[in-house]
């Protein structure tokens, strides 16, 4: 058998937690959250030149 795996405690940034919450609310039918998700995705897809370095691209 190989070496034993060790669990490491990690924390999730508040920005990611808020995005997860927004997506959960949108999938449950919250119209405001749904509009916000669409707005963010649209701005991400339409402005690739304004992305910060290190973010994924098409």
N, C-alpha and C. Protein backbone atom coordinates (compact mmCIF):
# COMPACT_ATOMS: atom_id res chain seq x y z
N UNK A 1 0.83 -1.19 0.00
CA UNK A 1 0.00 0.00 0.00
C UNK A 1 0.88 1.25 0.00
N UNK A 2 0.36 2.29 -0.63
CA UNK A 2 1.10 3.55 -0.71
C UNK A 2 0.99 4.35 0.57
N UNK A 3 1.59 5.53 0.55
CA UNK A 3 1.53 6.38 1.74
C UNK A 3 0.10 6.81 2.04
N UNK A 4 -0.14 7.02 3.32
CA UNK A 4 -1.47 7.41 3.77
C UNK A 4 -1.75 8.86 3.38
N UNK A 5 -2.97 9.13 2.88
CA UNK A 5 -3.34 10.49 2.52
C UNK A 5 -3.71 11.25 3.79
N UNK A 6 -3.30 12.51 3.83
CA UNK A 6 -3.58 13.35 4.99
C UNK A 6 -4.55 14.44 4.57
N UNK A 7 -5.61 14.63 5.34
CA UNK A 7 -6.56 15.70 5.05
C UNK A 7 -5.98 17.02 5.51
N UNK A 8 -6.17 18.05 4.70
CA UNK A 8 -5.68 19.38 5.03
C UNK A 8 -6.88 20.30 5.11
N UNK A 9 -6.99 21.05 6.20
CA UNK A 9 -8.08 22.01 6.32
C UNK A 9 -7.85 23.16 5.35
N UNK A 10 -8.88 23.50 4.61
CA UNK A 10 -8.78 24.62 3.68
C UNK A 10 -9.95 25.57 3.95
N UNK A 11 -9.78 26.80 3.53
CA UNK A 11 -10.87 27.76 3.65
C UNK A 11 -11.24 28.25 2.26
N UNK A 12 -12.49 28.60 2.11
CA UNK A 12 -12.98 29.11 0.84
C UNK A 12 -13.16 30.61 0.98
N UNK A 13 -12.73 31.34 -0.03
CA UNK A 13 -12.80 32.80 0.05
C UNK A 13 -14.25 33.26 0.09
N UNK A 14 -14.51 34.40 0.74
CA UNK A 14 -15.87 34.94 0.80
C UNK A 14 -16.46 35.22 -0.58
N UNK A 15 -15.61 35.61 -1.54
CA UNK A 15 -16.10 35.88 -2.89
C UNK A 15 -16.67 34.61 -3.52
N UNK A 16 -15.97 33.51 -3.36
CA UNK A 16 -16.44 32.24 -3.92
C UNK A 16 -17.70 31.78 -3.20
N UNK A 17 -17.74 31.95 -1.88
CA UNK A 17 -18.93 31.56 -1.12
C UNK A 17 -20.15 32.36 -1.57
N UNK A 18 -19.97 33.66 -1.84
CA UNK A 18 -21.11 34.47 -2.28
C UNK A 18 -21.56 34.05 -3.68
N UNK A 19 -20.61 33.66 -4.54
CA UNK A 19 -20.99 33.19 -5.87
C UNK A 19 -21.75 31.87 -5.79
N UNK A 20 -21.33 30.99 -4.90
CA UNK A 20 -22.03 29.72 -4.71
C UNK A 20 -23.44 29.98 -4.22
N UNK A 21 -23.58 30.91 -3.26
CA UNK A 21 -24.89 31.26 -2.73
C UNK A 21 -25.79 31.83 -3.82
N UNK A 22 -25.23 32.70 -4.66
CA UNK A 22 -25.99 33.29 -5.76
C UNK A 22 -26.50 32.21 -6.72
N UNK A 23 -25.65 31.26 -7.05
CA UNK A 23 -26.04 30.17 -7.96
C UNK A 23 -27.12 29.30 -7.32
N UNK A 24 -26.98 29.01 -6.03
CA UNK A 24 -28.00 28.22 -5.33
C UNK A 24 -29.35 28.92 -5.36
N UNK A 25 -29.34 30.24 -5.09
CA UNK A 25 -30.60 31.00 -5.10
C UNK A 25 -31.20 31.02 -6.50
N UNK A 26 -30.36 31.15 -7.52
CA UNK A 26 -30.85 31.19 -8.90
C UNK A 26 -31.48 29.85 -9.29
N UNK A 27 -30.88 28.75 -8.87
CA UNK A 27 -31.43 27.44 -9.22
C UNK A 27 -32.72 27.14 -8.47
N UNK A 28 -32.94 27.83 -7.34
CA UNK A 28 -34.19 27.64 -6.59
C UNK A 28 -35.31 28.54 -7.09
N UNK A 29 -35.02 29.37 -8.09
CA UNK A 29 -36.08 30.18 -8.69
C UNK A 29 -36.06 31.65 -8.34
N UNK A 30 -35.04 32.13 -7.65
CA UNK A 30 -34.94 33.56 -7.32
C UNK A 30 -34.66 34.35 -8.60
N UNK A 31 -35.63 35.17 -9.01
CA UNK A 31 -35.50 35.92 -10.27
C UNK A 31 -34.33 36.90 -10.24
N UNK A 32 -34.15 37.60 -9.11
CA UNK A 32 -33.05 38.58 -9.02
C UNK A 32 -31.69 37.88 -9.12
N UNK A 33 -31.56 36.75 -8.46
CA UNK A 33 -30.31 36.00 -8.53
C UNK A 33 -30.08 35.47 -9.94
N UNK A 34 -31.13 35.02 -10.59
CA UNK A 34 -31.02 34.51 -11.95
C UNK A 34 -30.55 35.61 -12.90
N UNK A 35 -31.12 36.80 -12.77
CA UNK A 35 -30.71 37.93 -13.62
C UNK A 35 -29.25 38.30 -13.37
N UNK A 36 -28.84 38.26 -12.11
CA UNK A 36 -27.45 38.60 -11.77
C UNK A 36 -26.48 37.58 -12.37
N UNK A 37 -26.81 36.31 -12.31
CA UNK A 37 -25.95 35.26 -12.89
C UNK A 37 -25.83 35.48 -14.39
N UNK A 38 -26.95 35.73 -15.05
CA UNK A 38 -26.92 35.96 -16.51
C UNK A 38 -26.11 37.19 -16.84
N UNK A 39 -26.26 38.25 -16.05
CA UNK A 39 -25.51 39.48 -16.28
C UNK A 39 -24.01 39.23 -16.15
N UNK A 40 -23.61 38.50 -15.11
CA UNK A 40 -22.19 38.22 -14.90
C UNK A 40 -21.62 37.34 -16.01
N UNK A 41 -22.38 36.33 -16.41
CA UNK A 41 -21.90 35.46 -17.48
C UNK A 41 -21.80 36.21 -18.80
N UNK A 42 -22.77 37.06 -19.08
CA UNK A 42 -22.76 37.84 -20.32
C UNK A 42 -21.56 38.77 -20.37
N UNK A 43 -21.29 39.46 -19.27
CA UNK A 43 -20.16 40.38 -19.26
C UNK A 43 -18.84 39.62 -19.35
N UNK A 44 -18.78 38.43 -18.78
CA UNK A 44 -17.57 37.61 -18.86
C UNK A 44 -17.32 37.14 -20.28
N UNK A 45 -18.38 36.72 -20.96
CA UNK A 45 -18.23 36.17 -22.31
C UNK A 45 -18.01 37.26 -23.35
N UNK A 46 -18.50 38.47 -23.13
CA UNK A 46 -18.44 39.53 -24.13
C UNK A 46 -17.20 40.41 -24.04
N UNK A 47 -16.46 40.34 -22.94
CA UNK A 47 -15.32 41.24 -22.76
C UNK A 47 -14.05 40.47 -22.40
N UNK A 48 -13.55 39.63 -23.28
CA UNK A 48 -12.36 38.84 -22.93
C UNK A 48 -11.12 39.70 -22.72
N UNK A 49 -11.04 40.87 -23.36
CA UNK A 49 -9.86 41.72 -23.22
C UNK A 49 -9.78 42.37 -21.84
N UNK A 50 -10.90 42.39 -21.10
CA UNK A 50 -10.90 43.01 -19.78
C UNK A 50 -10.69 42.01 -18.65
N UNK A 51 -10.50 40.73 -18.99
CA UNK A 51 -10.28 39.73 -17.95
C UNK A 51 -8.96 39.96 -17.24
N UNK A 52 -8.94 39.62 -15.97
CA UNK A 52 -7.69 39.71 -15.23
C UNK A 52 -6.77 38.57 -15.65
N UNK A 53 -5.50 38.81 -15.58
CA UNK A 53 -4.53 37.78 -15.94
C UNK A 53 -4.70 36.59 -15.01
N UNK A 54 -4.64 35.40 -15.57
CA UNK A 54 -4.76 34.19 -14.79
C UNK A 54 -6.14 33.58 -14.83
N UNK A 55 -7.13 34.33 -15.33
CA UNK A 55 -8.46 33.77 -15.44
C UNK A 55 -8.55 32.94 -16.72
N UNK A 56 -9.38 31.91 -16.71
CA UNK A 56 -9.50 31.07 -17.90
C UNK A 56 -10.10 31.84 -19.06
N UNK A 57 -9.77 31.42 -20.25
CA UNK A 57 -10.34 32.05 -21.43
C UNK A 57 -10.81 30.98 -22.39
N UNK A 58 -11.49 31.39 -23.45
CA UNK A 58 -12.09 30.45 -24.39
C UNK A 58 -11.05 29.66 -25.15
